[in-house]
């Protein structure tokens, strides 16, 4: 299993994903802390530079796909429909500007409403839990790394290379 800051090729990440058991919808319920998996994808580091925290799965029709932990704001859910995800992969100095600009934009992009759904989909020949964005052509598909960790494969229509990330169940004290 890759650890934070480990580097993998896209092919290695795909092979790891395919070797893992599919995650179930029931397994995905709850709050999760995330981290990117470095595969030399254009999005590597982008979420982290915008204070990405993780995801929250409240139920099949109530998923907060982008939860960020932003200075001065704390944990906030962001509306993905308002983010130019593909465009931001091409912005110069993205990882330097994002930590400065993101807190300023929070009042404009935050939401209290769920912006995704949790479904079981057929992916690469198996049935996986998947988070389907409401307003973007994106499905995040999950394979189980264990009861409290999953490997996510961002399936983004029109993106040449998949983006991989891990989620770890948030510990509630």
N, C-alpha and C. Protein backbone atom coordinates (compact mmCIF):
# COMPACT_ATOMS: atom_id res chain seq x y z
N UNK A 1 0.86 -1.18 0.00
CA UNK A 1 0.00 0.00 0.00
C UNK A 1 0.90 1.24 0.00
N UNK A 2 0.59 2.21 -0.90
CA UNK A 2 1.42 3.41 -0.91
C UNK A 2 1.20 4.24 0.34
N UNK A 3 2.26 4.86 0.80
CA UNK A 3 2.16 5.76 1.95
C UNK A 3 2.30 7.18 1.44
N UNK A 4 1.89 8.15 2.28
CA UNK A 4 1.99 9.54 1.88
C UNK A 4 3.41 9.83 1.40
N UNK A 5 3.50 10.58 0.32
CA UNK A 5 4.75 10.97 -0.32
C UNK A 5 5.43 9.83 -1.08
N UNK A 6 4.84 8.62 -1.08
CA UNK A 6 5.37 7.57 -1.93
C UNK A 6 5.02 7.91 -3.37
N UNK A 7 5.87 7.53 -4.27
CA UNK A 7 5.64 7.79 -5.68
C UNK A 7 5.36 6.46 -6.37
N UNK A 8 4.35 6.47 -7.23
CA UNK A 8 4.00 5.30 -8.02
C UNK A 8 3.77 5.76 -9.45
N UNK A 9 3.92 4.85 -10.38
CA UNK A 9 3.48 5.17 -11.74
C UNK A 9 1.97 4.98 -11.81
N UNK A 10 1.36 5.53 -12.82
CA UNK A 10 -0.07 5.33 -13.01
C UNK A 10 -0.37 3.84 -13.16
N UNK A 11 0.47 3.14 -13.88
CA UNK A 11 0.26 1.70 -14.08
C UNK A 11 0.33 0.94 -12.77
N UNK A 12 1.26 1.31 -11.88
CA UNK A 12 1.36 0.67 -10.56
C UNK A 12 0.11 0.97 -9.72
N UNK A 13 -0.37 2.19 -9.78
CA UNK A 13 -1.58 2.55 -9.02
C UNK A 13 -2.79 1.79 -9.56
N UNK A 14 -2.88 1.66 -10.88
CA UNK A 14 -3.99 0.91 -11.47
C UNK A 14 -3.92 -0.56 -11.06
N UNK A 15 -2.72 -1.12 -11.07
CA UNK A 15 -2.56 -2.53 -10.68
C UNK A 15 -2.92 -2.72 -9.21
N UNK A 16 -2.50 -1.79 -8.35
CA UNK A 16 -2.86 -1.87 -6.94
C UNK A 16 -4.38 -1.81 -6.78
N UNK A 17 -5.02 -0.85 -7.43
CA UNK A 17 -6.48 -0.72 -7.36
C UNK A 17 -7.15 -2.03 -7.76
N UNK A 18 -6.71 -2.60 -8.88
CA UNK A 18 -7.32 -3.84 -9.39
C UNK A 18 -7.08 -5.03 -8.47
N UNK A 19 -6.02 -4.97 -7.65
CA UNK A 19 -5.71 -6.09 -6.75
C UNK A 19 -6.53 -6.04 -5.45
N UNK A 20 -7.15 -4.90 -5.18
CA UNK A 20 -7.88 -4.71 -3.92
C UNK A 20 -9.35 -5.09 -4.07
N UNK A 21 -9.99 -5.48 -2.97
CA UNK A 21 -11.43 -5.74 -3.05
C UNK A 21 -12.19 -4.42 -3.22
N UNK A 22 -13.28 -4.43 -4.00
CA UNK A 22 -14.07 -3.22 -4.15
C UNK A 22 -14.64 -2.77 -2.80
N UNK A 23 -14.69 -1.47 -2.58
CA UNK A 23 -15.35 -0.93 -1.39
C UNK A 23 -16.87 -1.00 -1.61
N UNK A 24 -17.60 -1.08 -0.50
CA UNK A 24 -19.07 -1.11 -0.56
C UNK A 24 -19.62 0.25 -0.14
N UNK A 25 -20.88 0.49 -0.49
CA UNK A 25 -21.52 1.73 -0.07
C UNK A 25 -21.53 1.84 1.45
N UNK A 26 -21.84 0.75 2.13
CA UNK A 26 -21.90 0.78 3.59
C UNK A 26 -20.55 1.15 4.20
N UNK A 27 -19.47 0.63 3.62
CA UNK A 27 -18.13 0.93 4.11
C UNK A 27 -17.81 2.42 3.98
N UNK A 28 -18.38 3.08 2.97
CA UNK A 28 -18.03 4.47 2.69
C UNK A 28 -18.73 5.48 3.60
N UNK A 29 -19.79 5.07 4.28
CA UNK A 29 -20.52 6.01 5.12
C UNK A 29 -19.63 6.56 6.23
N UNK A 30 -19.70 7.87 6.45
CA UNK A 30 -18.92 8.52 7.48
C UNK A 30 -18.07 9.64 6.91
N UNK A 31 -17.17 10.14 7.75
CA UNK A 31 -16.28 11.24 7.36
C UNK A 31 -14.87 10.69 7.15
N UNK A 32 -14.21 11.21 6.12
CA UNK A 32 -12.93 10.68 5.70
C UNK A 32 -11.91 11.81 5.50
N UNK A 33 -10.68 11.53 5.91
CA UNK A 33 -9.56 12.44 5.66
C UNK A 33 -8.81 11.90 4.44
N UNK A 34 -8.41 12.78 3.53
CA UNK A 34 -7.78 12.33 2.30
C UNK A 34 -6.36 12.78 2.10
N UNK A 35 -5.70 12.12 1.16
CA UNK A 35 -4.35 12.49 0.73
C UNK A 35 -4.15 11.98 -0.69
N UNK A 36 -3.43 12.75 -1.47
CA UNK A 36 -3.15 12.35 -2.84
C UNK A 36 -2.13 11.23 -2.90
N UNK A 37 -2.15 10.49 -4.00
CA UNK A 37 -1.13 9.49 -4.31
C UNK A 37 -0.35 10.04 -5.49
N UNK A 38 0.93 10.23 -5.32
CA UNK A 38 1.77 10.86 -6.34
C UNK A 38 2.03 9.90 -7.50
N UNK A 39 1.44 10.23 -8.66
CA UNK A 39 1.65 9.43 -9.87
C UNK A 39 2.08 10.31 -11.04
N UNK A 40 2.59 11.48 -10.76
CA UNK A 40 2.95 12.45 -11.80
C UNK A 40 1.72 12.91 -12.60
N UNK A 41 0.59 12.98 -11.92
CA UNK A 41 -0.64 13.49 -12.53
C UNK A 41 -0.62 15.01 -12.42
N UNK A 42 -1.25 15.68 -13.37
CA UNK A 42 -1.33 17.14 -13.34
C UNK A 42 -1.99 17.66 -12.06
N UNK A 43 -2.83 16.84 -11.44
CA UNK A 43 -3.51 17.26 -10.21
C UNK A 43 -2.72 16.97 -8.94
N UNK A 44 -1.60 16.27 -9.04
CA UNK A 44 -0.81 15.97 -7.85
C UNK A 44 -0.51 17.25 -7.08
N UNK A 45 -0.86 17.28 -5.80
CA UNK A 45 -0.60 18.43 -4.94
C UNK A 45 -1.66 19.51 -4.99
N UNK A 46 -2.53 19.49 -6.00
CA UNK A 46 -3.51 20.56 -6.15
C UNK A 46 -4.51 20.59 -4.99
N UNK A 47 -5.06 19.45 -4.63
CA UNK A 47 -6.03 19.42 -3.54
C UNK A 47 -5.38 19.84 -2.23
N UNK A 48 -4.20 19.32 -1.97
CA UNK A 48 -3.51 19.66 -0.72
C UNK A 48 -3.20 21.16 -0.64
N UNK A 49 -2.85 21.79 -1.77
CA UNK A 49 -2.53 23.21 -1.74
C UNK A 49 -3.77 24.07 -1.49
N UNK A 50 -4.96 23.49 -1.69
CA UNK A 50 -6.20 24.23 -1.42
C UNK A 50 -6.83 23.79 -0.10
N UNK A 51 -6.02 23.21 0.77
CA UNK A 51 -6.46 22.82 2.12
C UNK A 51 -7.50 21.70 2.11
N UNK A 52 -7.43 20.82 1.10
CA UNK A 52 -8.38 19.71 1.05
C UNK A 52 -8.23 18.86 2.30
N UNK A 53 -9.35 18.54 2.92
CA UNK A 53 -9.37 17.68 4.09
C UNK A 53 -9.83 16.28 3.72
N UNK A 54 -10.93 16.16 2.97
CA UNK A 54 -11.44 14.85 2.62
C UNK A 54 -12.85 14.90 2.08
N UNK A 55 -13.67 13.91 2.49
CA UNK A 55 -15.03 13.75 1.99
C UNK A 55 -15.93 13.33 3.15
N UNK A 56 -17.24 13.58 2.98
CA UNK A 56 -18.20 13.18 4.00
C UNK A 56 -19.38 12.49 3.32
N UNK A 57 -19.60 11.24 3.69
CA UNK A 57 -20.68 10.43 3.13
C UNK A 57 -21.76 10.27 4.19
N UNK A 58 -22.82 11.09 4.10
CA UNK A 58 -23.90 11.04 5.07
C UNK A 58 -24.96 10.01 4.71
N UNK A 59 -25.08 9.69 3.45
CA UNK A 59 -26.05 8.73 2.96
C UNK A 59 -25.97 8.64 1.45
N UNK A 60 -26.76 7.75 0.83
CA UNK A 60 -26.65 7.55 -0.62
C UNK A 60 -26.87 8.81 -1.45
N UNK A 61 -27.69 9.72 -0.99
CA UNK A 61 -27.97 10.94 -1.74
C UNK A 61 -27.43 12.18 -1.06
N UNK A 62 -26.55 12.00 -0.10
CA UNK A 62 -26.03 13.14 0.67
C UNK A 62 -24.52 12.98 0.89
N UNK A 63 -23.75 13.40 -0.12
CA UNK A 63 -22.30 13.30 -0.04
C UNK A 63 -21.70 14.69 -0.26
N UNK A 64 -20.77 15.05 0.60
CA UNK A 64 -20.00 16.27 0.44
C UNK A 64 -18.65 15.85 -0.16
N UNK A 65 -18.47 16.06 -1.48
CA UNK A 65 -17.29 15.51 -2.15
C UNK A 65 -15.99 16.24 -1.87
N UNK A 66 -16.08 17.53 -1.53
CA UNK A 66 -14.87 18.30 -1.28
C UNK A 66 -15.01 19.04 0.05
N UNK A 67 -14.37 18.47 1.07
CA UNK A 67 -14.33 19.12 2.38
C UNK A 67 -12.92 19.66 2.55
N UNK A 68 -12.81 20.94 2.85
CA UNK A 68 -11.52 21.58 3.04
C UNK A 68 -11.43 22.10 4.47
N UNK A 69 -10.22 22.08 5.02
CA UNK A 69 -9.98 22.64 6.36
C UNK A 69 -9.12 23.88 6.15
N UNK A 70 -9.81 25.03 6.14
CA UNK A 70 -9.22 26.29 5.71
C UNK A 70 -8.94 27.19 6.91
N UNK A 71 -7.74 27.81 6.97
CA UNK A 71 -7.48 28.75 8.05
C UNK A 71 -8.59 29.81 8.13
N UNK A 72 -8.97 30.14 9.31
CA UNK A 72 -10.03 31.10 9.63
C UNK A 72 -11.44 30.58 9.38
N UNK A 73 -11.60 29.51 8.63
CA UNK A 73 -12.92 28.98 8.30
C UNK A 73 -13.18 27.63 8.95
N UNK A 74 -12.14 26.87 9.23
CA UNK A 74 -12.33 25.50 9.71
C UNK A 74 -12.73 24.59 8.56
N UNK A 75 -13.46 23.52 8.89
CA UNK A 75 -13.90 22.59 7.85
C UNK A 75 -15.12 23.16 7.12
N UNK A 76 -14.99 23.24 5.81
CA UNK A 76 -16.09 23.73 4.97
C UNK A 76 -16.26 22.80 3.77
N UNK A 77 -17.50 22.60 3.38
CA UNK A 77 -17.79 21.88 2.14
C UNK A 77 -17.79 22.88 1.00
N UNK A 78 -17.20 22.47 -0.11
CA UNK A 78 -17.08 23.34 -1.28
C UNK A 78 -17.93 22.78 -2.40
N UNK A 79 -18.54 23.68 -3.16
CA UNK A 79 -19.37 23.29 -4.30
C UNK A 79 -18.46 23.05 -5.51
N UNK A 80 -18.28 21.80 -5.94
CA UNK A 80 -17.38 21.51 -7.07
C UNK A 80 -17.83 22.18 -8.36
N UNK A 81 -19.11 22.46 -8.50
CA UNK A 81 -19.60 23.10 -9.72
C UNK A 81 -18.97 24.47 -9.93
N UNK A 82 -18.48 25.08 -8.85
CA UNK A 82 -17.91 26.42 -8.93
C UNK A 82 -16.39 26.41 -9.10
N UNK A 83 -15.81 25.22 -9.22
CA UNK A 83 -14.36 25.10 -9.35
C UNK A 83 -13.97 24.66 -10.76
N UNK A 84 -13.05 25.38 -11.39
CA UNK A 84 -12.57 24.99 -12.72
C UNK A 84 -11.47 23.93 -12.59
N UNK A 85 -11.85 22.70 -12.27
CA UNK A 85 -10.87 21.67 -11.92
C UNK A 85 -9.87 21.42 -13.04
N UNK A 86 -10.34 21.19 -14.26
CA UNK A 86 -9.40 20.92 -15.36
C UNK A 86 -8.53 22.13 -15.65
N UNK A 87 -9.12 23.31 -15.68
CA UNK A 87 -8.36 24.52 -15.96
C UNK A 87 -7.28 24.75 -14.92
N UNK A 88 -7.59 24.47 -13.67
CA UNK A 88 -6.62 24.74 -12.60
C UNK A 88 -5.37 23.88 -12.71
N UNK A 89 -5.44 22.76 -13.44
CA UNK A 89 -4.24 21.94 -13.60
C UNK A 89 -3.21 22.62 -14.50
N UNK A 90 -3.64 23.63 -15.26
CA UNK A 90 -2.73 24.32 -16.18
C UNK A 90 -2.26 25.68 -15.67
N UNK A 91 -2.75 26.11 -14.53
CA UNK A 91 -2.39 27.43 -14.02
C UNK A 91 -0.95 27.46 -13.52
N UNK A 92 -0.18 28.46 -13.96
CA UNK A 92 1.18 28.59 -13.43
C UNK A 92 1.13 28.99 -11.95
N UNK A 93 2.08 28.51 -11.20
CA UNK A 93 2.20 28.82 -9.77
C UNK A 93 0.97 28.40 -8.97
N UNK A 94 0.22 27.42 -9.47
CA UNK A 94 -1.02 26.96 -8.82
C UNK A 94 -0.80 26.61 -7.35
N UNK A 95 0.22 25.83 -7.07
CA UNK A 95 0.43 25.36 -5.70
C UNK A 95 0.95 26.46 -4.77
N UNK A 96 1.41 27.57 -5.34
CA UNK A 96 1.83 28.71 -4.54
C UNK A 96 0.65 29.66 -4.32
N UNK A 97 -0.15 29.88 -5.37
CA UNK A 97 -1.27 30.82 -5.28
C UNK A 97 -2.47 30.24 -4.53
N UNK A 98 -2.73 28.95 -4.68
CA UNK A 98 -3.93 28.35 -4.07
C UNK A 98 -4.03 28.57 -2.57
N UNK A 99 -2.95 28.37 -1.79
CA UNK A 99 -3.09 28.58 -0.35
C UNK A 99 -3.45 30.02 0.03
N UNK A 100 -3.12 30.97 -0.82
CA UNK A 100 -3.44 32.37 -0.56
C UNK A 100 -4.86 32.69 -1.02
N UNK A 101 -5.19 32.25 -2.23
CA UNK A 101 -6.48 32.61 -2.83
C UNK A 101 -7.66 31.81 -2.28
N UNK A 102 -7.44 30.55 -1.94
CA UNK A 102 -8.55 29.70 -1.53
C UNK A 102 -9.31 30.25 -0.32
N UNK A 103 -8.63 30.67 0.75
CA UNK A 103 -9.38 31.22 1.89
C UNK A 103 -10.22 32.45 1.52
N UNK A 104 -9.73 33.23 0.57
CA UNK A 104 -10.48 34.41 0.13
C UNK A 104 -11.74 34.01 -0.63
N UNK A 105 -11.67 32.91 -1.37
CA UNK A 105 -12.80 32.46 -2.18
C UNK A 105 -13.84 31.67 -1.40
N UNK A 106 -13.51 31.21 -0.20
CA UNK A 106 -14.42 30.35 0.56
C UNK A 106 -15.85 30.90 0.64
N UNK A 107 -16.07 32.17 0.93
CA UNK A 107 -17.46 32.65 1.02
C UNK A 107 -18.25 32.47 -0.29
N UNK A 108 -17.54 32.44 -1.41
CA UNK A 108 -18.21 32.32 -2.70
C UNK A 108 -18.44 30.87 -3.13
N UNK A 109 -17.63 29.94 -2.62
CA UNK A 109 -17.69 28.56 -3.11
C UNK A 109 -18.16 27.55 -2.07
N UNK A 110 -18.36 27.97 -0.84
CA UNK A 110 -18.78 27.03 0.20
C UNK A 110 -20.25 26.69 0.03
N UNK A 111 -20.64 25.55 0.58
CA UNK A 111 -22.03 25.11 0.53
C UNK A 111 -22.34 24.25 1.75
N UNK A 112 -23.58 24.25 2.15
CA UNK A 112 -24.01 23.35 3.21
C UNK A 112 -24.77 22.16 2.62
N UNK A 113 -25.00 22.19 1.31
CA UNK A 113 -25.77 21.13 0.65
C UNK A 113 -24.86 20.07 0.05
N UNK A 114 -25.26 18.82 0.13
CA UNK A 114 -24.49 17.76 -0.51
C UNK A 114 -24.44 18.00 -2.02
N UNK A 115 -23.31 17.67 -2.64
CA UNK A 115 -23.12 17.91 -4.07
C UNK A 115 -22.69 16.65 -4.83
N UNK A 116 -22.98 15.48 -4.23
CA UNK A 116 -22.66 14.22 -4.88
C UNK A 116 -23.54 13.12 -4.30
N UNK A 117 -23.51 11.96 -4.98
CA UNK A 117 -24.28 10.80 -4.55
C UNK A 117 -23.36 9.59 -4.43
N UNK A 118 -23.76 8.64 -3.60
CA UNK A 118 -23.02 7.39 -3.42
C UNK A 118 -23.80 6.28 -4.11
N UNK A 119 -23.16 5.60 -5.03
CA UNK A 119 -23.79 4.52 -5.78
C UNK A 119 -22.83 3.35 -5.92
N UNK A 120 -23.37 2.21 -6.33
CA UNK A 120 -22.55 1.07 -6.71
C UNK A 120 -22.55 1.03 -8.23
N UNK A 121 -21.36 1.03 -8.82
CA UNK A 121 -21.26 1.01 -10.27
C UNK A 121 -20.34 -0.11 -10.72
N UNK A 122 -20.52 -0.52 -11.95
CA UNK A 122 -19.62 -1.48 -12.56
C UNK A 122 -18.42 -0.72 -13.10
N UNK A 123 -17.23 -1.09 -12.63
CA UNK A 123 -16.01 -0.40 -13.02
C UNK A 123 -14.90 -1.42 -13.17
N UNK A 124 -14.33 -1.49 -14.34
CA UNK A 124 -13.26 -2.43 -14.63
C UNK A 124 -13.67 -3.87 -14.31
N UNK A 125 -14.97 -4.16 -14.60
CA UNK A 125 -15.48 -5.53 -14.47
C UNK A 125 -15.95 -5.93 -13.09
N UNK A 126 -15.95 -5.01 -12.13
CA UNK A 126 -16.39 -5.34 -10.77
C UNK A 126 -17.33 -4.25 -10.25
N UNK A 127 -18.07 -4.58 -9.20
CA UNK A 127 -19.01 -3.65 -8.59
C UNK A 127 -18.32 -2.91 -7.45
N UNK A 128 -18.20 -1.59 -7.59
CA UNK A 128 -17.51 -0.75 -6.61
C UNK A 128 -18.43 0.34 -6.08
N UNK A 129 -18.23 0.74 -4.84
CA UNK A 129 -18.85 1.98 -4.35
C UNK A 129 -18.21 3.12 -5.12
N UNK A 130 -19.04 4.08 -5.52
CA UNK A 130 -18.54 5.23 -6.26
C UNK A 130 -19.29 6.48 -5.83
N UNK A 131 -18.57 7.57 -5.79
CA UNK A 131 -19.16 8.87 -5.52
C UNK A 131 -19.33 9.56 -6.86
N UNK A 132 -20.58 9.90 -7.19
CA UNK A 132 -20.90 10.53 -8.47
C UNK A 132 -21.20 12.00 -8.22
N UNK A 133 -20.37 12.88 -8.77
CA UNK A 133 -20.58 14.32 -8.62
C UNK A 133 -21.88 14.72 -9.31
N UNK A 134 -22.62 15.65 -8.72
CA UNK A 134 -23.88 16.11 -9.31
C UNK A 134 -23.64 16.97 -10.54
N UNK A 135 -22.61 17.82 -10.55
CA UNK A 135 -22.47 18.82 -11.60
C UNK A 135 -21.19 18.69 -12.43
N UNK A 136 -20.46 17.62 -12.26
CA UNK A 136 -19.23 17.41 -13.02
C UNK A 136 -19.23 15.98 -13.55
N UNK A 137 -18.60 15.75 -14.70
CA UNK A 137 -18.51 14.37 -15.23
C UNK A 137 -17.42 13.57 -14.53
N UNK A 138 -17.60 13.40 -13.21
CA UNK A 138 -16.59 12.73 -12.39
C UNK A 138 -17.25 11.66 -11.52
N UNK A 139 -16.64 10.50 -11.49
CA UNK A 139 -16.97 9.45 -10.53
C UNK A 139 -15.69 9.11 -9.79
N UNK A 140 -15.72 9.15 -8.47
CA UNK A 140 -14.62 8.66 -7.66
C UNK A 140 -14.98 7.23 -7.26
N UNK A 141 -14.18 6.28 -7.69
CA UNK A 141 -14.45 4.86 -7.48
C UNK A 141 -13.49 4.36 -6.41
N UNK A 142 -14.00 3.50 -5.50
CA UNK A 142 -13.23 3.13 -4.31
C UNK A 142 -12.94 1.64 -4.22
N UNK A 143 -11.70 1.32 -3.84
CA UNK A 143 -11.28 -0.04 -3.53
C UNK A 143 -10.78 -0.04 -2.08
N UNK A 144 -11.02 -1.13 -1.39
CA UNK A 144 -10.73 -1.20 0.05
C UNK A 144 -9.28 -1.53 0.34
N UNK A 145 -8.64 -0.66 1.13
CA UNK A 145 -7.31 -0.94 1.66
C UNK A 145 -7.41 -1.57 3.05
N UNK A 146 -8.61 -1.63 3.59
CA UNK A 146 -8.88 -2.14 4.92
C UNK A 146 -10.20 -1.55 5.38
N UNK A 147 -10.63 -1.86 6.60
CA UNK A 147 -11.95 -1.38 7.04
C UNK A 147 -12.04 0.14 7.15
N UNK A 148 -10.91 0.81 7.35
CA UNK A 148 -10.94 2.25 7.56
C UNK A 148 -10.09 3.04 6.57
N UNK A 149 -9.72 2.42 5.45
CA UNK A 149 -8.94 3.10 4.41
C UNK A 149 -9.36 2.59 3.04
N UNK A 150 -9.42 3.51 2.08
CA UNK A 150 -9.74 3.14 0.70
C UNK A 150 -8.79 3.85 -0.25
N UNK A 151 -8.62 3.24 -1.42
CA UNK A 151 -7.92 3.87 -2.52
C UNK A 151 -8.98 4.37 -3.49
N UNK A 152 -8.89 5.65 -3.84
CA UNK A 152 -9.84 6.25 -4.76
C UNK A 152 -9.23 6.45 -6.13
N UNK A 153 -10.04 6.21 -7.16
CA UNK A 153 -9.66 6.41 -8.56
C UNK A 153 -10.60 7.45 -9.10
N UNK A 154 -10.11 8.64 -9.39
CA UNK A 154 -10.96 9.68 -9.97
C UNK A 154 -11.10 9.40 -11.46
N UNK A 155 -12.31 9.07 -11.87
CA UNK A 155 -12.64 8.81 -13.26
C UNK A 155 -13.31 10.09 -13.79
N UNK A 156 -12.54 10.93 -14.46
CA UNK A 156 -12.98 12.25 -14.92
C UNK A 156 -13.05 12.22 -16.44
N UNK A 157 -14.25 12.35 -16.97
CA UNK A 157 -14.45 12.28 -18.42
C UNK A 157 -13.53 13.29 -19.12
N UNK A 158 -12.78 12.79 -20.10
CA UNK A 158 -11.89 13.65 -20.87
C UNK A 158 -10.49 13.78 -20.30
N UNK A 159 -10.24 13.22 -19.11
CA UNK A 159 -8.91 13.29 -18.52
C UNK A 159 -8.14 12.04 -18.94
N UNK A 160 -6.95 12.25 -19.50
CA UNK A 160 -6.18 11.13 -20.05
C UNK A 160 -5.69 10.13 -19.01
N UNK A 161 -5.32 10.62 -17.85
CA UNK A 161 -4.70 9.79 -16.81
C UNK A 161 -5.56 9.86 -15.57
N UNK A 162 -5.86 8.71 -14.93
CA UNK A 162 -6.63 8.78 -13.69
C UNK A 162 -5.83 9.43 -12.57
N UNK A 163 -6.56 10.08 -11.67
CA UNK A 163 -5.96 10.66 -10.47
C UNK A 163 -6.29 9.73 -9.31
N UNK A 164 -5.29 9.41 -8.49
CA UNK A 164 -5.48 8.50 -7.37
C UNK A 164 -5.31 9.23 -6.04
N UNK A 165 -6.07 8.79 -5.06
CA UNK A 165 -5.99 9.36 -3.71
C UNK A 165 -6.39 8.29 -2.71
N UNK A 166 -6.05 8.54 -1.45
CA UNK A 166 -6.46 7.64 -0.38
C UNK A 166 -7.36 8.40 0.58
N UNK A 167 -8.29 7.67 1.17
CA UNK A 167 -9.14 8.21 2.23
C UNK A 167 -8.97 7.34 3.46
N UNK A 168 -8.93 7.98 4.63
CA UNK A 168 -8.84 7.30 5.91
C UNK A 168 -10.01 7.77 6.77
N UNK A 169 -10.74 6.81 7.31
CA UNK A 169 -11.90 7.15 8.13
C UNK A 169 -11.48 8.08 9.27
N UNK A 170 -12.26 9.13 9.45
CA UNK A 170 -11.99 10.09 10.52
C UNK A 170 -12.28 9.43 11.86
N UNK A 171 -11.33 9.55 12.76
CA UNK A 171 -11.51 9.01 14.11
C UNK A 171 -12.36 10.00 14.90
N UNK A 172 -13.44 9.50 15.48
CA UNK A 172 -14.31 10.35 16.31
C UNK A 172 -14.04 10.03 17.77
N UNK A 173 -13.63 11.05 18.50
CA UNK A 173 -13.29 10.85 19.92
C UNK A 173 -14.52 10.88 20.80
